[in-house]
């Protein structure tokens, strides 16, 4: 476990690293291009990068959205929007493989929760198909509970919908 992780808002200089980190993590997260990342930068409630204390380079990031109300064409965001009056939503969180187990994911989630602005629930989803056991275990340990499942991408993905009351 790292002794210290610096969380900070994403900066323009981070975007190429964040984009590469995201796309290296497919299929655990969906592919992004530079335009997608620019859109997220403009609408995100919270867009954090995590840097180990011994490096200024991001070892992880989290994009958090507020809901409902964004014109976001995500089946998963829409699922939560249809069921919750007000929520914050983890659209994606990625930790570089060489930093797995170092507490970066937990630090990112904790930072996002601290910026929740009295939202009653934190929502996220994790792949069941293709299965992401690491993320399922992380979310369970963080206190999330399953609140549903849905197929996406024409049935090529199945996700477990998760919520954490704040």
Protein backbone atom coordinates (compact mmCIF):
# COMPACT_ATOMS: atom_id res chain seq x y z
CA UNK A 1 0.00 0.00 0.00
CA UNK A 2 1.28 3.44 -0.87
CA UNK A 3 1.88 5.71 2.07
CA UNK A 4 0.58 8.76 0.22
CA UNK A 5 -1.47 9.44 -2.88
CA UNK A 6 -1.95 12.98 -4.17
CA UNK A 7 -5.40 13.61 -5.63
CA UNK A 8 -5.88 16.64 -7.83
CA UNK A 9 -8.20 17.87 -10.58
CA UNK A 10 -7.19 16.74 -14.04
CA UNK A 11 -5.10 19.24 -15.98
CA UNK A 12 -4.79 19.69 -19.73
CA UNK A 13 -1.29 18.20 -19.56
CA UNK A 14 -2.75 14.97 -18.09
CA UNK A 15 -5.23 14.27 -20.86
CA UNK A 16 -2.97 12.25 -23.17
CA UNK A 17 -1.89 10.04 -20.25
CA UNK A 18 -5.50 9.65 -19.09
CA UNK A 19 -6.64 8.75 -22.60
CA UNK A 20 -3.91 6.12 -23.00
CA UNK A 21 -4.62 4.70 -19.53
CA UNK A 22 -8.34 4.50 -20.33
CA UNK A 23 -7.88 2.76 -23.66
CA UNK A 24 -5.36 0.31 -22.22
CA UNK A 25 -8.09 -0.72 -19.72
CA UNK A 26 -10.69 -1.70 -22.37
CA UNK A 27 -12.93 -3.80 -21.97
CA UNK A 28 -13.15 -2.96 -18.24
CA UNK A 29 -14.10 0.56 -19.42
CA UNK A 30 -15.32 1.75 -22.81
CA UNK A 31 -12.91 3.18 -25.37
CA UNK A 32 -12.59 6.97 -25.51
CA UNK A 33 -11.23 9.38 -28.06
CA UNK A 34 -9.92 12.91 -27.51
CA UNK A 35 -13.37 14.44 -28.21
CA UNK A 36 -14.98 12.18 -25.59
CA UNK A 37 -12.38 13.18 -23.04
CA UNK A 38 -12.91 16.85 -23.86
CA UNK A 39 -16.67 16.41 -23.32
CA UNK A 40 -16.08 14.76 -19.94
CA UNK A 41 -13.71 17.58 -18.96
CA UNK A 42 -16.51 20.06 -19.56
CA UNK A 43 -19.38 18.27 -17.81
CA UNK A 44 -17.80 16.17 -15.05
CA UNK A 45 -18.82 16.87 -11.48
CA UNK A 46 -15.41 15.56 -10.49
CA UNK A 47 -12.46 14.57 -12.70
CA UNK A 48 -9.55 13.51 -10.51
CA UNK A 49 -6.13 12.10 -11.17
CA UNK A 50 -4.15 10.23 -8.54
CA UNK A 51 -0.40 10.54 -8.37
CA UNK A 52 1.85 8.55 -6.05
CA UNK A 53 3.74 10.87 -3.72
CA UNK A 54 7.01 9.87 -5.36
CA UNK A 55 5.82 10.84 -8.87
CA UNK A 56 3.92 13.64 -10.53
CA UNK A 57 2.57 11.30 -13.19
CA UNK A 58 -1.01 10.04 -12.89
CA UNK A 59 -1.31 6.40 -11.85
CA UNK A 60 -5.10 6.51 -11.96
CA UNK A 61 -8.11 8.69 -12.64
CA UNK A 62 -11.81 8.93 -11.91
CA UNK A 63 -14.52 10.67 -13.91
CA UNK A 64 -17.60 11.36 -11.81
CA UNK A 65 -20.86 12.76 -13.10
CA UNK A 66 -23.90 14.24 -11.44
CA UNK A 67 -27.34 12.94 -12.25
CA UNK A 68 -29.78 12.96 -13.63
CA UNK A 69 -29.85 15.64 -16.27
CA UNK A 70 -26.79 15.27 -18.49
CA UNK A 71 -27.31 14.67 -22.17
CA UNK A 72 -25.12 11.59 -21.93
CA UNK A 73 -25.88 8.69 -24.25
CA UNK A 74 -24.87 6.00 -21.80
CA UNK A 75 -27.25 3.10 -21.15
CA UNK A 76 -25.85 2.82 -17.64
CA UNK A 77 -26.18 6.51 -16.76
CA UNK A 78 -29.71 6.43 -18.18
CA UNK A 79 -30.54 3.36 -16.03
CA UNK A 80 -29.62 5.25 -12.85
CA UNK A 81 -31.34 8.43 -14.09
CA UNK A 82 -34.61 6.52 -14.43
CA UNK A 83 -34.40 5.25 -10.84
CA UNK A 84 -32.80 7.97 -8.72
CA UNK A 85 -33.87 11.60 -8.25
CA UNK A 86 -30.34 12.75 -7.42
CA UNK A 87 -27.06 10.88 -7.49
CA UNK A 88 -23.39 11.02 -8.27
CA UNK A 89 -22.08 8.47 -10.71
CA UNK A 90 -18.68 6.95 -11.32
CA UNK A 91 -18.54 6.87 -15.09
CA UNK A 92 -15.10 5.34 -15.06
CA UNK A 93 -12.18 4.74 -12.78
CA UNK A 94 -8.88 3.39 -14.04
CA UNK A 95 -5.75 2.48 -12.10
CA UNK A 96 -2.55 1.61 -13.95
CA UNK A 97 -1.80 -2.12 -13.55
CA UNK A 98 1.59 -1.45 -11.96
CA UNK A 99 -0.23 0.49 -9.21
CA UNK A 100 -2.93 -2.11 -8.46
CA UNK A 101 -3.28 -2.84 -4.76
CA UNK A 102 -1.61 0.43 -3.76
CA UNK A 103 -4.77 2.14 -2.51
CA UNK A 104 -5.23 4.41 -5.53
CA UNK A 105 -8.76 3.24 -6.35
CA UNK A 106 -9.86 3.69 -2.75
CA UNK A 107 -8.26 7.16 -2.64
CA UNK A 108 -10.07 8.19 -5.83
CA UNK A 109 -13.44 6.96 -4.54
CA UNK A 110 -12.90 8.59 -1.16
CA UNK A 111 -12.03 11.88 -2.88
CA UNK A 112 -15.14 11.65 -5.04
CA UNK A 113 -17.38 10.91 -2.06
CA UNK A 114 -15.92 13.90 -0.20
CA UNK A 115 -17.00 16.11 -3.13
CA UNK A 116 -20.52 14.61 -3.21
CA UNK A 117 -22.29 17.87 -2.24
CA UNK A 118 -25.08 16.18 -0.28
CA UNK A 119 -25.99 13.71 -3.00
CA UNK A 120 -27.81 10.80 -1.36
CA UNK A 121 -26.28 7.97 -3.37
CA UNK A 122 -23.14 7.05 -5.28
CA UNK A 123 -23.81 4.86 -8.33
CA UNK A 124 -21.50 2.73 -10.43
CA UNK A 125 -21.56 -0.39 -12.56
CA UNK A 126 -19.13 -3.24 -13.06
CA UNK A 127 -18.89 -5.73 -15.90
CA UNK A 128 -20.27 -9.20 -15.32
CA UNK A 129 -19.61 -10.05 -18.98
CA UNK A 130 -16.72 -9.84 -19.60
CA UNK A 131 -16.33 -10.42 -15.89
CA UNK A 132 -14.25 -7.97 -13.87
CA UNK A 133 -13.67 -9.81 -10.58
CA UNK A 134 -11.11 -7.27 -9.32
CA UNK A 135 -13.61 -4.42 -9.64
CA UNK A 136 -16.50 -6.45 -8.23
CA UNK A 137 -14.45 -7.26 -5.12
CA UNK A 138 -13.31 -3.64 -4.77
CA UNK A 139 -16.85 -2.27 -4.93
CA UNK A 140 -18.15 -4.83 -2.45
CA UNK A 141 -15.34 -4.00 -0.01
CA UNK A 142 -16.09 -0.26 -0.43
CA UNK A 143 -19.70 -0.92 0.65
CA UNK A 144 -21.61 -0.88 -2.63
CA UNK A 145 -24.65 -3.14 -2.95
CA UNK A 146 -26.09 -4.58 -6.17
CA UNK A 147 -29.31 -2.85 -7.27
CA UNK A 148 -29.79 -4.41 -10.71
CA UNK A 149 -28.22 -5.76 -13.88
CA UNK A 150 -28.52 -4.96 -17.56
CA UNK A 151 -27.16 -6.00 -20.92
CA UNK A 152 -25.47 -3.34 -23.03
CA UNK A 153 -23.74 -3.11 -26.41
CA UNK A 154 -26.21 -5.46 -28.05
CA UNK A 155 -25.74 -8.08 -25.35
CA UNK A 156 -21.95 -8.28 -25.65
CA UNK A 157 -21.67 -6.79 -22.15
CA UNK A 158 -23.64 -7.40 -18.97
CA UNK A 159 -23.17 -5.05 -16.04
CA UNK A 160 -24.10 -5.15 -12.39
CA UNK A 161 -25.58 -1.85 -11.22
CA UNK A 162 -24.28 -0.80 -7.79
CA UNK A 163 -25.25 1.85 -5.26
CA UNK A 164 -23.76 3.20 -2.05
CA UNK A 165 -25.92 5.33 0.20
CA UNK A 166 -24.04 8.40 1.34
